């Protein structure tokens, strides 16, 4: 269109989609948002303190030194037409009350799983199933290792067949991007079927 201003021309603005990155304490949510975001991510991390002893379960994640207390925020452009806004949820049970607000307007979610502590992901899976928010499961391979195939993890978590279970590495941009694209493909397929 001759003379149109791309800043004010709404037809040139990309579609934006809100995606949650959720899961239990220490599964890699902050790492995933940070590794895939094309902007410097907003983080609300605070150091773990003595006040959390006996409240925060550090079994299997003893090296963890900080925790998200509100949210992480990042952005990734999938194409010129589509931008994802990523909201990482806090993982500790005492911060779960924020999930309802963070979920407002979300089209989908990635539930990150740590196979060393799969029970830490049950609450996130239940949260999205109850609210009928589509999600995929990303199995974060800590130390670059995936000791179990995706189908074994699906069975252990009792995840329905229509939910994709994907092996990933939260530290790797391409791996995280692939998980997000799988979620977007799932959302598009659901929209076409509706």
Protein backbone atom coordinates (compact mmCIF):
# COMPACT_ATOMS: atom_id res chain seq x y z
CA UNK A 1 0.00 0.00 0.00
CA UNK A 2 1.61 3.26 -1.12
CA UNK A 3 2.35 5.69 1.67
CA UNK A 4 1.39 3.33 4.49
CA UNK A 5 3.30 3.65 7.73
CA UNK A 6 4.45 0.21 8.96
CA UNK A 7 4.45 1.45 12.55
CA UNK A 8 0.77 2.41 12.44
CA UNK A 9 -0.44 -0.07 9.80
CA UNK A 10 -2.07 -2.84 11.86
CA UNK A 11 -2.08 -5.19 8.88
CA UNK A 12 1.73 -5.35 9.00
CA UNK A 13 1.89 -6.19 12.71
CA UNK A 14 2.58 -9.85 13.46
CA UNK A 15 0.12 -12.02 15.34
CA UNK A 16 1.24 -12.54 18.92
CA UNK A 17 0.63 -15.65 20.96
CA UNK A 18 1.05 -16.07 24.71
CA UNK A 19 2.70 -19.36 25.70
CA UNK A 20 3.42 -20.56 29.24
CA UNK A 21 6.53 -22.51 30.16
CA UNK A 22 5.56 -24.44 33.28
CA UNK A 23 6.69 -27.30 35.44
CA UNK A 24 8.02 -28.11 38.86
CA UNK A 25 10.77 -26.46 40.85
CA UNK A 26 14.15 -26.66 39.13
CA UNK A 27 13.07 -28.31 35.85
CA UNK A 28 14.67 -25.67 33.59
CA UNK A 29 11.92 -23.15 32.84
CA UNK A 30 14.12 -20.06 33.31
CA UNK A 31 16.86 -21.72 31.27
CA UNK A 32 14.45 -22.51 28.42
CA UNK A 33 13.03 -18.98 28.25
CA UNK A 34 16.54 -17.54 28.32
CA UNK A 35 17.98 -19.86 25.70
CA UNK A 36 15.26 -19.31 23.12
CA UNK A 37 14.37 -15.63 23.68
CA UNK A 38 15.55 -13.16 21.05
CA UNK A 39 15.48 -10.39 23.65
CA UNK A 40 17.21 -10.24 27.00
CA UNK A 41 14.69 -12.12 29.13
CA UNK A 42 12.99 -10.53 32.09
CA UNK A 43 13.74 -12.67 35.14
CA UNK A 44 12.47 -12.46 38.68
CA UNK A 45 15.01 -14.76 40.24
CA UNK A 46 16.04 -14.44 43.86
CA UNK A 47 18.68 -16.38 45.78
CA UNK A 48 17.54 -19.39 47.77
CA UNK A 49 17.76 -18.59 51.46
CA UNK A 50 17.66 -20.40 54.76
CA UNK A 51 13.96 -19.47 55.00
CA UNK A 52 13.25 -22.06 52.29
CA UNK A 53 14.86 -24.95 54.17
CA UNK A 54 12.26 -27.60 54.83
CA UNK A 55 9.91 -25.94 52.31
CA UNK A 56 11.83 -26.19 49.03
CA UNK A 57 12.71 -29.76 48.08
CA UNK A 58 16.25 -29.69 46.69
CA UNK A 59 16.57 -33.46 46.27
CA UNK A 60 18.29 -33.99 42.93
CA UNK A 61 18.90 -30.26 42.40
CA UNK A 62 21.27 -29.52 45.27
CA UNK A 63 23.34 -27.18 43.05
CA UNK A 64 20.37 -24.80 42.55
CA UNK A 65 21.12 -21.36 44.02
CA UNK A 66 18.24 -19.14 42.81
CA UNK A 67 14.53 -19.45 42.10
CA UNK A 68 11.89 -17.63 40.08
CA UNK A 69 9.53 -15.80 42.41
CA UNK A 70 7.07 -14.32 39.88
CA UNK A 71 7.75 -15.05 36.20
CA UNK A 72 10.24 -15.13 33.38
CA UNK A 73 9.42 -13.34 30.12
CA UNK A 74 10.92 -13.74 26.69
CA UNK A 75 10.00 -13.35 23.04
CA UNK A 76 10.72 -15.37 19.91
CA UNK A 77 9.70 -14.58 16.35
CA UNK A 78 8.66 -17.77 14.59
CA UNK A 79 8.11 -15.85 11.34
CA UNK A 80 7.29 -12.31 10.21
CA UNK A 81 3.66 -13.12 10.87
CA UNK A 82 3.99 -14.86 14.25
CA UNK A 83 5.66 -13.82 17.52
CA UNK A 84 5.50 -15.87 20.71
CA UNK A 85 5.51 -14.21 24.11
CA UNK A 86 6.89 -16.71 26.60
CA UNK A 87 5.93 -16.60 30.26
CA UNK A 88 7.85 -18.92 32.56
CA UNK A 89 5.94 -19.82 35.71
CA UNK A 90 7.44 -20.17 39.19
CA UNK A 91 7.86 -23.82 40.12
CA UNK A 92 7.61 -23.86 43.88
CA UNK A 93 4.22 -24.74 45.32
CA UNK A 94 4.11 -21.57 47.44
CA UNK A 95 4.07 -19.51 44.20
CA UNK A 96 1.46 -21.58 42.30
CA UNK A 97 -1.26 -19.04 43.12
CA UNK A 98 0.24 -16.89 40.32
CA UNK A 99 -0.39 -19.52 37.66
CA UNK A 100 -4.06 -18.57 37.22
CA UNK A 101 -3.15 -14.97 36.41
CA UNK A 102 -0.27 -16.00 34.15
CA UNK A 103 -2.58 -18.39 32.27
CA UNK A 104 -5.04 -15.64 31.31
CA UNK A 105 -4.95 -15.31 27.53
CA UNK A 106 -2.48 -18.15 27.02
CA UNK A 107 -3.16 -20.26 23.94
CA UNK A 108 -0.91 -23.11 25.02
CA UNK A 109 1.89 -24.31 27.25
CA UNK A 110 5.05 -26.33 27.45
CA UNK A 111 5.27 -28.49 30.56
CA UNK A 112 8.94 -29.15 31.28
CA UNK A 113 9.78 -32.42 32.97
CA UNK A 114 12.91 -33.52 34.80
CA UNK A 115 13.01 -37.34 34.60
CA UNK A 116 15.04 -37.42 37.81
CA UNK A 117 11.98 -35.96 39.58
CA UNK A 118 8.89 -36.63 37.40
CA UNK A 119 6.50 -36.09 40.31
CA UNK A 120 7.39 -32.39 40.21
CA UNK A 121 5.49 -32.08 36.90
CA UNK A 122 2.17 -33.67 37.86
CA UNK A 123 0.72 -30.39 39.16
CA UNK A 124 1.50 -28.56 35.90
CA UNK A 125 -0.02 -31.32 33.76
CA UNK A 126 -3.12 -31.32 35.96
CA UNK A 127 -3.35 -27.50 35.81
CA UNK A 128 -3.50 -27.41 32.01
CA UNK A 129 -5.76 -30.46 31.67
CA UNK A 130 -8.31 -28.99 34.10
CA UNK A 131 -8.36 -25.65 32.26
CA UNK A 132 -8.34 -27.33 28.83
CA UNK A 133 -5.27 -25.34 27.79
CA UNK A 134 -3.41 -27.31 25.10
CA UNK A 135 0.13 -28.30 26.03
CA UNK A 136 3.11 -30.38 25.01
CA UNK A 137 5.54 -32.05 27.37
CA UNK A 138 9.21 -31.17 26.98
CA UNK A 139 11.53 -33.66 28.67
CA UNK A 140 14.59 -31.65 29.66
CA UNK A 141 17.75 -33.73 29.25
CA UNK A 142 19.91 -32.60 32.14
CA UNK A 143 23.61 -32.90 31.39
CA UNK A 144 22.62 -33.64 27.78
CA UNK A 145 21.25 -37.06 28.69
CA UNK A 146 17.89 -38.69 27.98
CA UNK A 147 17.87 -41.99 29.87
CA UNK A 148 14.28 -42.87 28.85
CA UNK A 149 12.44 -42.78 25.53
CA UNK A 150 9.50 -40.38 25.17
CA UNK A 151 6.91 -43.17 25.26
CA UNK A 152 8.18 -44.45 28.62
CA UNK A 153 7.87 -40.93 30.01
CA UNK A 154 4.34 -40.62 28.58
CA UNK A 155 3.36 -43.82 30.37
CA UNK A 156 4.99 -42.75 33.66
CA UNK A 157 3.19 -39.39 33.60
CA UNK A 158 -0.10 -40.88 32.29
CA UNK A 159 -0.15 -38.24 29.53
CA UNK A 160 -2.87 -38.80 26.91
CA UNK A 161 -1.88 -39.83 23.38
CA UNK A 162 -2.93 -36.49 21.85
CA UNK A 163 -0.30 -34.65 23.95
CA UNK A 164 3.14 -34.68 22.36
CA UNK A 165 6.08 -35.75 24.54
CA UNK A 166 9.31 -34.32 23.16
CA UNK A 167 12.90 -34.83 24.29
CA UNK A 168 14.72 -31.50 24.56
CA UNK A 169 17.58 -29.62 26.16
CA UNK A 170 16.52 -26.38 27.85
CA UNK A 171 20.03 -24.97 27.28
CA UNK A 172 19.83 -25.38 23.50
CA UNK A 173 18.05 -22.70 21.45
CA UNK A 174 17.19 -24.98 18.53
CA UNK A 175 15.88 -27.73 20.78
CA UNK A 176 13.60 -25.27 22.62
CA UNK A 177 12.48 -23.71 19.33
CA UNK A 178 11.50 -27.16 18.05
CA UNK A 179 9.36 -27.80 21.13
CA UNK A 180 7.61 -24.44 20.66
CA UNK A 181 7.02 -25.12 16.95
CA UNK A 182 5.50 -28.51 17.84
CA UNK A 183 3.11 -26.73 20.21
CA UNK A 184 2.19 -24.14 17.56
CA UNK A 185 1.60 -26.90 14.99
CA UNK A 186 -0.68 -28.62 17.51
CA UNK A 187 -2.61 -25.39 18.13
CA UNK A 188 -3.03 -24.79 14.40
CA UNK A 189 -4.21 -28.36 13.80
CA UNK A 190 -6.77 -28.00 16.62
CA UNK A 191 -8.03 -24.69 15.20
CA UNK A 192 -8.45 -26.21 11.73
CA UNK A 193 -10.43 -29.16 13.14
CA UNK A 194 -12.75 -26.90 15.16
